[in-house]
Amino acid sequence: MPILWQNNGDGMSEARFLDTPSGRRIAYHVTKGQEPTVVYLGGFKSDMEGTKALYLEDRARRRGQAFLRFDYSGHGQSSEAFLDGSIGEWTEDAISAVLELTEGRVVLVGSSMGGWIALNLISKIAQKIAGFVGIAAAPDFTEDSMWTGFSEKERATVMHEGQIELPSDYTDEPYIITRKLIEDGRQNLVLRKPLALNIPTRLLQGTADTDVPVSVAMKLLDHAEGSDIRLTLVKDADHRFSTPECLALIENAVEDVLKAL
């Protein structure tokens, strides 16, 4: 059963916790409202207190729309250590959150890694998914960006030492990439097999994104099968995609999907 977490006075908003079948404890916020529920899926090492998540929650509340945001294990307020996590486990967390915390069907909004997680959910619990909005979606990034971009020395470090440190453009702390993340990612690749998106799908991509280049969005658009898939390129928008103009575009995409339903 979800357990209430009380505000401890440090400025963090109240959250609840969901104990999953895997034994992980997932922190979440849910807003009641009309269906379908809009579910925000954050990116790699991000959390549910980010700009896009809070903006979409506010807009959903204004619309009277049900909304869910949560932290994967090892992220934000959820249990476990980040370095112990993987795409497969974070997908399991998302499936548990969607199945346990929402009623009816959902519209997934996936940012960066969250876009990959969303694509996993679309294939694993298709009956629950009504639509998808991808924001700089990064399917298969552990293989196509990380592993492919590693030198032979870096690959050897990952395999023999179990991890490697990489500089981050967003924090002073480096990204630590584990062998588990790479190997598990290979079990969750979505661009190497048929990918049916038979739901309204809107993809948003900035042309100045240096983390997930436009070529990834084009590859996803070309690879996916579906009759209602659209890609919007935003000139000079970066990976954060969090300017007022970009936030408005995300909300417009969500509303477009809802109207299509």
C-alpha atoms as a PDB file:
ATOM      1  CA  MET A   1       0.000   0.000   0.000  1.00  0.00           C
ATOM      2  CA  PRO A   2       1.224   3.554  -0.681  1.00  0.00           C
ATOM      3  CA  ILE A   3       2.692   5.140   2.468  1.00  0.00           C
ATOM      4  CA  LEU A   4       2.375   8.863   3.145  1.00  0.00           C
ATOM      5  CA  TRP A   5       5.638  10.793   3.472  1.00  0.00           C
ATOM      6  CA  GLN A   6       5.362  14.021   5.445  1.00  0.00           C
ATOM      7  CA  ASN A   7       7.071  17.269   4.486  1.00  0.00           C
ATOM      8  CA  ASN A   8      10.245  17.578   6.558  1.00  0.00           C
ATOM      9  CA  GLY A   9      10.506  21.341   6.214  1.00  0.00           C
ATOM     10  CA  ASP A  10      13.373  21.386   3.717  1.00  0.00           C
ATOM     11  CA  GLY A  11      11.241  22.815   0.949  1.00  0.00           C
ATOM     12  CA  MET A  12      10.392  19.489  -0.666  1.00  0.00           C
ATOM     13  CA  SER A  13       6.712  18.932  -1.327  1.00  0.00           C
ATOM     14  CA  GLU A  14       4.760  16.109   0.196  1.00  0.00           C
ATOM     15  CA  ALA A  15       5.098  12.770  -1.559  1.00  0.00           C
ATOM     16  CA  ARG A  16       3.737   9.274  -1.192  1.00  0.00           C
ATOM     17  CA  PHE A  17       5.534   5.981  -1.593  1.00  0.00           C
ATOM     18  CA  LEU A  18       4.601   2.851  -3.517  1.00  0.00           C
ATOM     19  CA  ASP A  19       6.180  -0.466  -2.529  1.00  0.00           C
ATOM     20  CA  THR A  20       6.689  -2.418  -5.761  1.00  0.00           C
ATOM     21  CA  PRO A  21       6.722  -6.221  -6.232  1.00  0.00           C
ATOM     22  CA  SER A  22      10.506  -5.984  -6.652  1.00  0.00           C
ATOM     23  CA  GLY A  23      10.876  -4.541  -3.150  1.00  0.00           C
ATOM     24  CA  ARG A  24      11.772  -1.036  -4.305  1.00  0.00           C
ATOM     25  CA  ARG A  25      10.000   1.992  -2.833  1.00  0.00           C
ATOM     26  CA  ILE A  26       8.904   4.572  -5.401  1.00  0.00           C
ATOM     27  CA  ALA A  27       8.144   8.170  -4.428  1.00  0.00           C
ATOM     28  CA  TYR A  28       5.284   9.765  -6.322  1.00  0.00           C
ATOM     29  CA  HIS A  29       2.737  12.564  -6.573  1.00  0.00           C
ATOM     30  CA  VAL A  30      -0.691  11.906  -8.038  1.00  0.00           C
ATOM     31  CA  THR A  31      -3.329  14.473  -8.925  1.00  0.00           C
ATOM     32  CA  LYS A  32      -6.890  13.249  -9.237  1.00  0.00           C
ATOM     33  CA  GLY A  33      -8.925  14.287 -12.257  1.00  0.00           C
ATOM     34  CA  GLN A  34     -10.490  13.128 -15.462  1.00  0.00           C
ATOM     35  CA  GLU A  35      -9.010  10.304 -17.504  1.00  0.00           C
ATOM     36  CA  PRO A  36      -6.758   9.596 -19.236  1.00  0.00           C
ATOM     37  CA  THR A  37      -4.041  10.235 -16.677  1.00  0.00           C
ATOM     38  CA  VAL A  38      -1.008  12.117 -17.965  1.00  0.00           C
ATOM     39  CA  VAL A  39       2.135  10.379 -16.678  1.00  0.00           C
ATOM     40  CA  TYR A  40       5.498  12.140 -16.701  1.00  0.00           C
ATOM     41  CA  LEU A  41       8.609   9.982 -17.144  1.00  0.00           C
ATOM     42  CA  GLY A  42      11.827  11.809 -16.303  1.00  0.00           C
ATOM     43  CA  GLY A  43      15.290  11.473 -17.715  1.00  0.00           C
ATOM     44  CA  PHE A  44      18.568   9.898 -16.650  1.00  0.00           C
ATOM     45  CA  LYS A  45      19.493  11.093 -13.153  1.00  0.00           C
ATOM     46  CA  SER A  46      16.629  13.590 -13.054  1.00  0.00           C
ATOM     47  CA  ASP A  47      13.715  13.625 -10.618  1.00  0.00           C
ATOM     48  CA  MET A  48      10.037  14.473 -10.391  1.00  0.00           C
ATOM     49  CA  GLU A  49      10.704  17.964  -9.000  1.00  0.00           C
ATOM     50  CA  GLY A  50      12.033  19.238 -12.334  1.00  0.00           C
ATOM     51  CA  THR A  51      10.658  22.145 -14.329  1.00  0.00           C
ATOM     52  CA  LYS A  52       8.831  20.109 -16.964  1.00  0.00           C
ATOM     53  CA  ALA A  53       7.186  17.754 -14.451  1.00  0.00           C
ATOM     54  CA  LEU A  54       5.915  20.583 -12.254  1.00  0.00           C
ATOM     55  CA  TYR A  55       4.750  22.624 -15.234  1.00  0.00           C
ATOM     56  CA  LEU A  56       2.753  19.736 -16.671  1.00  0.00           C
ATOM     57  CA  GLU A  57       1.283  18.956 -13.258  1.00  0.00           C
ATOM     58  CA  ASP A  58       0.097  22.547 -12.918  1.00  0.00           C
ATOM     59  CA  ARG A  59      -1.435  22.509 -16.386  1.00  0.00           C
ATOM     60  CA  ALA A  60      -3.156  19.188 -15.726  1.00  0.00           C
ATOM     61  CA  ARG A  61      -4.613  20.536 -12.502  1.00  0.00           C
ATOM     62  CA  ARG A  62      -5.943  23.592 -14.322  1.00  0.00           C
ATOM     63  CA  ARG A  63      -7.579  21.286 -16.898  1.00  0.00           C
ATOM     64  CA  GLY A  64      -8.975  18.957 -14.249  1.00  0.00           C
ATOM     65  CA  GLN A  65      -6.830  16.166 -15.707  1.00  0.00           C
ATOM     66  CA  ALA A  66      -5.413  13.306 -13.677  1.00  0.00           C
ATOM     67  CA  PHE A  67      -1.610  13.474 -13.477  1.00  0.00           C
ATOM     68  CA  LEU A  68       1.191  11.295 -12.113  1.00  0.00           C
ATOM     69  CA  ARG A  69       4.872  12.027 -11.607  1.00  0.00           C
ATOM     70  CA  PHE A  70       7.319   9.785  -9.761  1.00  0.00           C
ATOM     71  CA  ASP A  71      10.979   9.004  -9.158  1.00  0.00           C
ATOM     72  CA  TYR A  72      12.540   5.832 -10.526  1.00  0.00           C
ATOM     73  CA  SER A  73      14.488   3.839  -7.957  1.00  0.00           C
ATOM     74  CA  GLY A  74      17.853   5.459  -7.295  1.00  0.00           C
ATOM     75  CA  HIS A  75      16.425   8.843  -8.309  1.00  0.00           C
ATOM     76  CA  GLY A  76      15.050  11.672  -6.199  1.00  0.00           C
ATOM     77  CA  GLN A  77      13.212  10.479  -3.107  1.00  0.00           C
ATOM     78  CA  SER A  78      12.867   6.822  -4.105  1.00  0.00           C
ATOM     79  CA  SER A  79      14.803   3.962  -2.532  1.00  0.00           C
ATOM     80  CA  GLU A  80      17.961   2.240  -3.803  1.00  0.00           C
ATOM     81  CA  ALA A  81      21.268   3.600  -5.088  1.00  0.00           C
ATOM     82  CA  PHE A  82      21.450   5.165  -8.534  1.00  0.00           C
ATOM     83  CA  LEU A  83      24.488   3.077  -9.501  1.00  0.00           C
ATOM     84  CA  ASP A  84      22.551  -0.131  -8.863  1.00  0.00           C
ATOM     85  CA  GLY A  85      19.837   0.813 -11.352  1.00  0.00           C
ATOM     86  CA  SER A  86      19.263  -0.036 -15.003  1.00  0.00           C
ATOM     87  CA  ILE A  87      16.846   0.564 -17.861  1.00  0.00           C
ATOM     88  CA  GLY A  88      15.056  -2.696 -17.143  1.00  0.00           C
ATOM     89  CA  GLU A  89      14.578  -1.916 -13.450  1.00  0.00           C
ATOM     90  CA  TRP A  90      13.451   1.643 -14.127  1.00  0.00           C
ATOM     91  CA  THR A  91      10.981   0.249 -16.662  1.00  0.00           C
ATOM     92  CA  GLU A  92       9.667  -2.100 -13.959  1.00  0.00           C
ATOM     93  CA  ASP A  93       9.283   0.887 -11.625  1.00  0.00           C
ATOM     94  CA  ALA A  94       7.296   2.760 -14.261  1.00  0.00           C
ATOM     95  CA  ILE A  95       5.056  -0.219 -14.964  1.00  0.00           C
ATOM     96  CA  SER A  96       4.307  -0.617 -11.246  1.00  0.00           C
ATOM     97  CA  ALA A  97       3.526   3.094 -10.918  1.00  0.00           C
ATOM     98  CA  VAL A  98       1.201   3.130 -13.930  1.00  0.00           C
ATOM     99  CA  LEU A  99      -0.636  -0.074 -12.998  1.00  0.00           C
ATOM    100  CA  GLU A 100      -0.991   0.697  -9.293  1.00  0.00           C
ATOM    101  CA  LEU A 101      -1.513   4.453  -9.264  1.00  0.00           C
ATOM    102  CA  THR A 102      -3.693   5.203 -12.289  1.00  0.00           C
ATOM    103  CA  GLU A 103      -7.172   4.233 -13.394  1.00  0.00           C
ATOM    104  CA  GLY A 104      -8.071   3.692 -17.014  1.00  0.00           C
ATOM    105  CA  ARG A 105      -5.647   4.523 -19.791  1.00  0.00           C
ATOM    106  CA  VAL A 106      -2.718   6.941 -19.661  1.00  0.00           C
ATOM    107  CA  VAL A 107      -0.849   9.388 -21.880  1.00  0.00           C
ATOM    108  CA  LEU A 108       2.901   9.067 -21.383  1.00  0.00           C
ATOM    109  CA  VAL A 109       5.163  12.119 -21.536  1.00  0.00           C
ATOM    110  CA  GLY A 110       8.750  10.883 -21.659  1.00  0.00           C
ATOM    111  CA  SER A 111      11.770  13.179 -21.484  1.00  0.00           C
ATOM    112  CA  SER A 112      15.123  11.887 -22.778  1.00  0.00           C
ATOM    113  CA  MET A 113      15.595   8.489 -21.105  1.00  0.00           C
ATOM    114  CA  GLY A 114      11.932   8.736 -20.147  1.00  0.00           C
ATOM    115  CA  GLY A 115      11.140   8.471 -23.845  1.00  0.00           C
ATOM    116  CA  TRP A 116      12.905   5.100 -23.953  1.00  0.00           C
ATOM    117  CA  ILE A 117      11.091   3.980 -20.808  1.00  0.00           C
ATOM    118  CA  ALA A 118       7.809   5.067 -22.407  1.00  0.00           C
ATOM    119  CA  LEU A 119       8.508   2.982 -25.515  1.00  0.00           C
ATOM    120  CA  ASN A 120       9.135  -0.022 -23.266  1.00  0.00           C
ATOM    121  CA  LEU A 121       5.798   0.548 -21.543  1.00  0.00           C
ATOM    122  CA  ILE A 122       4.008   0.853 -24.878  1.00  0.00           C
ATOM    123  CA  SER A 123       5.239  -2.623 -25.814  1.00  0.00           C
ATOM    124  CA  LYS A 124       4.753  -4.239 -22.389  1.00  0.00           C
ATOM    125  CA  ILE A 125       1.414  -2.801 -21.211  1.00  0.00           C
ATOM    126  CA  ALA A 126      -0.074  -1.604 -24.484  1.00  0.00           C
ATOM    127  CA  GLN A 127      -3.631  -1.880 -23.188  1.00  0.00           C
ATOM    128  CA  LYS A 128      -2.952   0.930 -20.703  1.00  0.00           C
ATOM    129  CA  ILE A 129      -1.338   3.414 -23.080  1.00  0.00           C
ATOM    130  CA  ALA A 130      -3.548   5.876 -24.980  1.00  0.00           C
ATOM    131  CA  GLY A 131      -0.909   8.284 -26.287  1.00  0.00           C
ATOM    132  CA  PHE A 132       2.737   9.333 -26.161  1.00  0.00           C
ATOM    133  CA  VAL A 133       4.637  12.617 -26.141  1.00  0.00           C
ATOM    134  CA  GLY A 134       8.414  12.312 -26.436  1.00  0.00           C
ATOM    135  CA  ILE A 135      10.712  15.197 -25.468  1.00  0.00           C
ATOM    136  CA  ALA A 136      14.188  14.605 -26.913  1.00  0.00           C
ATOM    137  CA  ALA A 137      13.413  10.904 -26.588  1.00  0.00           C
ATOM    138  CA  ALA A 138      16.590   8.845 -26.223  1.00  0.00           C
ATOM    139  CA  PRO A 139      15.868   5.207 -27.072  1.00  0.00           C
ATOM    140  CA  ASP A 140      18.865   2.858 -26.961  1.00  0.00           C
ATOM    141  CA  PHE A 141      21.197   5.610 -25.708  1.00  0.00           C
ATOM    142  CA  THR A 142      23.306   3.261 -23.577  1.00  0.00           C
ATOM    143  CA  GLU A 143      24.347   1.467 -26.748  1.00  0.00           C
ATOM    144  CA  ASP A 144      24.167   4.101 -29.484  1.00  0.00           C
ATOM    145  CA  SER A 145      25.521   7.054 -27.517  1.00  0.00           C
ATOM    146  CA  MET A 146      27.495   5.721 -24.563  1.00  0.00           C
ATOM    147  CA  TRP A 147      29.007   2.439 -25.729  1.00  0.00           C
ATOM    148  CA  THR A 148      29.478   3.512 -29.338  1.00  0.00           C
ATOM    149  CA  GLY A 149      31.146   6.714 -28.150  1.00  0.00           C
ATOM    150  CA  PHE A 150      33.565   4.983 -25.796  1.00  0.00           C
ATOM    151  CA  SER A 151      37.177   4.447 -26.772  1.00  0.00           C
ATOM    152  CA  GLU A 152      38.622   0.949 -26.547  1.00  0.00           C
ATOM    153  CA  LYS A 153      40.261   1.967 -23.273  1.00  0.00           C
ATOM    154  CA  GLU A 154      36.977   3.240 -21.845  1.00  0.00           C
ATOM    155  CA  ARG A 155      35.182   0.062 -22.882  1.00  0.00           C
ATOM    156  CA  ALA A 156      37.862  -2.005 -21.176  1.00  0.00           C
ATOM    157  CA  THR A 157      37.478   0.079 -18.018  1.00  0.00           C
ATOM    158  CA  VAL A 158      33.724  -0.527 -17.960  1.00  0.00           C
ATOM    159  CA  MET A 159      34.087  -4.262 -18.477  1.00  0.00           C
ATOM    160  CA  HIS A 160      36.993  -4.871 -16.110  1.00  0.00           C
ATOM    161  CA  GLU A 161      36.294  -2.345 -13.352  1.00  0.00           C
ATOM    162  CA  GLY A 162      32.506  -2.372 -13.619  1.00  0.00           C
ATOM    163  CA  GLN A 163      32.103   1.376 -14.160  1.00  0.00           C
ATOM    164  CA  ILE A 164      33.562   4.562 -15.618  1.00  0.00           C
ATOM    165  CA  GLU A 165      33.229   8.257 -14.775  1.00  0.00           C
ATOM    166  CA  LEU A 166      32.164  10.727 -17.461  1.00  0.00           C
ATOM    167  CA  PRO A 167      31.892  14.524 -17.160  1.00  0.00           C
ATOM    168  CA  SER A 168      28.420  16.013 -16.860  1.00  0.00           C
ATOM    169  CA  ASP A 169      27.200  19.230 -18.483  1.00  0.00           C
ATOM    170  CA  TYR A 170      24.532  19.594 -15.805  1.00  0.00           C
ATOM    171  CA  THR A 171      26.217  18.999 -12.437  1.00  0.00           C
ATOM    172  CA  ASP A 172      29.670  19.264 -10.896  1.00  0.00           C
ATOM    173  CA  GLU A 173      29.585  15.551 -10.218  1.00  0.00           C
ATOM    174  CA  PRO A 174      30.513  13.166 -13.039  1.00  0.00           C
ATOM    175  CA  TYR A 175      28.179  10.608 -14.516  1.00  0.00           C
ATOM    176  CA  ILE A 176      29.182   7.127 -13.430  1.00  0.00           C
ATOM    177  CA  ILE A 177      28.261   4.597 -16.101  1.00  0.00           C
ATOM    178  CA  THR A 178      28.156   0.995 -14.936  1.00  0.00           C
ATOM    179  CA  ARG A 179      28.659  -2.272 -16.759  1.00  0.00           C
ATOM    180  CA  LYS A 180      25.212  -3.274 -15.506  1.00  0.00           C
ATOM    181  CA  LEU A 181      23.640  -0.250 -17.200  1.00  0.00           C
ATOM    182  CA  ILE A 182      25.291  -1.075 -20.520  1.00  0.00           C
ATOM    183  CA  GLU A 183      24.545  -4.792 -20.454  1.00  0.00           C
ATOM    184  CA  ASP A 184      20.980  -4.364 -19.254  1.00  0.00           C
ATOM    185  CA  GLY A 185      20.420  -1.676 -21.871  1.00  0.00           C
ATOM    186  CA  ARG A 186      21.152  -4.263 -24.563  1.00  0.00           C
ATOM    187  CA  GLN A 187      18.237  -6.317 -23.274  1.00  0.00           C
ATOM    188  CA  ASN A 188      15.891  -3.345 -23.717  1.00  0.00           C
ATOM    189  CA  LEU A 189      16.832  -1.970 -27.137  1.00  0.00           C
ATOM    190  CA  VAL A 190      13.791  -0.833 -29.131  1.00  0.00           C
ATOM    191  CA  LEU A 191      15.256   0.348 -32.429  1.00  0.00           C
ATOM    192  CA  ARG A 192      16.550  -3.097 -33.438  1.00  0.00           C
ATOM    193  CA  LYS A 193      13.097  -4.674 -33.725  1.00  0.00           C
ATOM    194  CA  PRO A 194       9.666  -3.653 -35.004  1.00  0.00           C
ATOM    195  CA  LEU A 195       8.219  -0.743 -33.017  1.00  0.00           C
ATOM    196  CA  ALA A 196       4.464  -0.262 -33.332  1.00  0.00           C
ATOM    197  CA  LEU A 197       3.124   3.077 -32.105  1.00  0.00           C
ATOM    198  CA  ASN A 198      -0.552   2.661 -32.903  1.00  0.00           C
ATOM    199  CA  ILE A 199      -1.478   5.596 -30.681  1.00  0.00           C
ATOM    200  CA  PRO A 200      -1.304   9.378 -31.153  1.00  0.00           C
ATOM    201  CA  THR A 201       2.423  10.150 -30.872  1.00  0.00           C
ATOM    202  CA  ARG A 202       4.063  13.575 -30.777  1.00  0.00           C
ATOM    203  CA  LEU A 203       7.852  13.907 -30.742  1.00  0.00           C
ATOM    204  CA  LEU A 204       9.590  17.170 -29.815  1.00  0.00           C
ATOM    205  CA  GLN A 205      13.270  17.774 -30.536  1.00  0.00           C
ATOM    206  CA  GLY A 206      15.606  20.760 -30.240  1.00  0.00           C
ATOM    207  CA  THR A 207      18.109  21.343 -33.016  1.00  0.00           C
ATOM    208  CA  ALA A 208      20.751  22.552 -30.514  1.00  0.00           C
ATOM    209  CA  ASP A 209      20.506  19.395 -28.388  1.00  0.00           C
ATOM    210  CA  THR A 210      24.046  18.044 -27.973  1.00  0.00           C
ATOM    211  CA  ASP A 211      22.996  15.102 -25.759  1.00  0.00           C
ATOM    212  CA  VAL A 212      20.342  13.658 -28.047  1.00  0.00           C
ATOM    213  CA  PRO A 213      20.957  14.894 -31.592  1.00  0.00           C
ATOM    214  CA  VAL A 214      18.269  15.403 -34.204  1.00  0.00           C
ATOM    215  CA  SER A 215      19.419  12.210 -35.924  1.00  0.00           C
ATOM    216  CA  VAL A 216      17.994  10.181 -33.015  1.00  0.00           C
ATOM    217  CA  ALA A 217      14.565  11.752 -33.442  1.00  0.00           C
ATOM    218  CA  MET A 218      14.701  11.142 -37.183  1.00  0.00           C
ATOM    219  CA  LYS A 219      15.722   7.525 -36.640  1.00  0.00           C
ATOM    220  CA  LEU A 220      12.833   6.982 -34.228  1.00  0.00           C
ATOM    221  CA  LEU A 221      10.367   8.632 -36.610  1.00  0.00           C
ATOM    222  CA  ASP A 222      11.591   6.506 -39.510  1.00  0.00           C
ATOM    223  CA  HIS A 223      11.652   3.275 -37.514  1.00  0.00           C
ATOM    224  CA  ALA A 224       8.315   3.478 -35.706  1.00  0.00           C
ATOM    225  CA  GLU A 225       5.157   2.167 -37.357  1.00  0.00           C
ATOM    226  CA  GLY A 226       1.918   4.090 -36.851  1.00  0.00           C
ATOM    227  CA  SER A 227      -0.574   6.319 -38.625  1.00  0.00           C
ATOM    228  CA  ASP A 228      -0.468   9.299 -36.243  1.00  0.00           C
ATOM    229  CA  ILE A 229       3.180  10.077 -35.473  1.00  0.00           C
ATOM    230  CA  ARG A 230       4.495  13.623 -35.796  1.00  0.00           C
ATOM    231  CA  LEU A 231       7.903  15.158 -35.138  1.00  0.00           C
ATOM    232  CA  THR A 232       8.387  18.843 -34.329  1.00  0.00           C
ATOM    233  CA  LEU A 233      11.896  20.312 -34.580  1.00  0.00           C
ATOM    234  CA  VAL A 234      12.551  23.453 -32.563  1.00  0.00           C
ATOM    235  CA  LYS A 235      15.398  25.605 -33.827  1.00  0.00           C
ATOM    236  CA  ASP A 236      18.092  26.364 -31.211  1.00  0.00           C
ATOM    237  CA  ALA A 237      16.322  24.490 -28.381  1.00  0.00           C
ATOM    238  CA  ASP A 238      18.721  22.481 -26.222  1.00  0.00           C
ATOM    239  CA  HIS A 239      18.324  19.231 -24.311  1.00  0.00           C
ATOM    240  CA  ARG A 240      16.671  20.821 -21.288  1.00  0.00           C
ATOM    241  CA  PHE A 241      13.744  21.940 -23.464  1.00  0.00           C
ATOM    242  CA  SER A 242      12.517  24.028 -20.527  1.00  0.00           C
ATOM    243  CA  THR A 243      12.210  27.590 -21.793  1.00  0.00           C
ATOM    244  CA  PRO A 244       8.700  29.091 -21.565  1.00  0.00           C
ATOM    245  CA  GLU A 245       8.315  28.575 -25.304  1.00  0.00           C
ATOM    246  CA  CYS A 246       9.386  24.927 -25.094  1.00  0.00           C
ATOM    247  CA  LEU A 247       7.130  24.253 -22.118  1.00  0.00           C
ATOM    248  CA  ALA A 248       4.206  25.663 -24.071  1.00  0.00           C
ATOM    249  CA  LEU A 249       5.052  23.355 -26.977  1.00  0.00           C
ATOM    250  CA  ILE A 250       5.040  20.345 -24.636  1.00  0.00           C
ATOM    251  CA  GLU A 251       1.633  21.322 -23.281  1.00  0.00           C
ATOM    252  CA  ASN A 252       0.334  21.841 -26.817  1.00  0.00           C
ATOM    253  CA  ALA A 253       1.549  18.367 -27.750  1.00  0.00           C
ATOM    254  CA  VAL A 254      -0.209  16.840 -24.734  1.00  0.00           C
ATOM    255  CA  GLU A 255      -3.441  18.658 -25.601  1.00  0.00           C
ATOM    256  CA  ASP A 256      -3.098  17.547 -29.219  1.00  0.00           C
ATOM    257  CA  VAL A 257      -2.853  13.917 -28.122  1.00  0.00           C
ATOM    258  CA  LEU A 258      -5.832  14.315 -25.788  1.00  0.00           C
ATOM    259  CA  LYS A 259      -7.906  15.827 -28.592  1.00  0.00           C
ATOM    260  CA  ALA A 260      -6.920  12.970 -30.899  1.00  0.00           C
ATOM    261  CA  LEU A 261      -8.392  10.542 -28.381  1.00  0.00           C
END
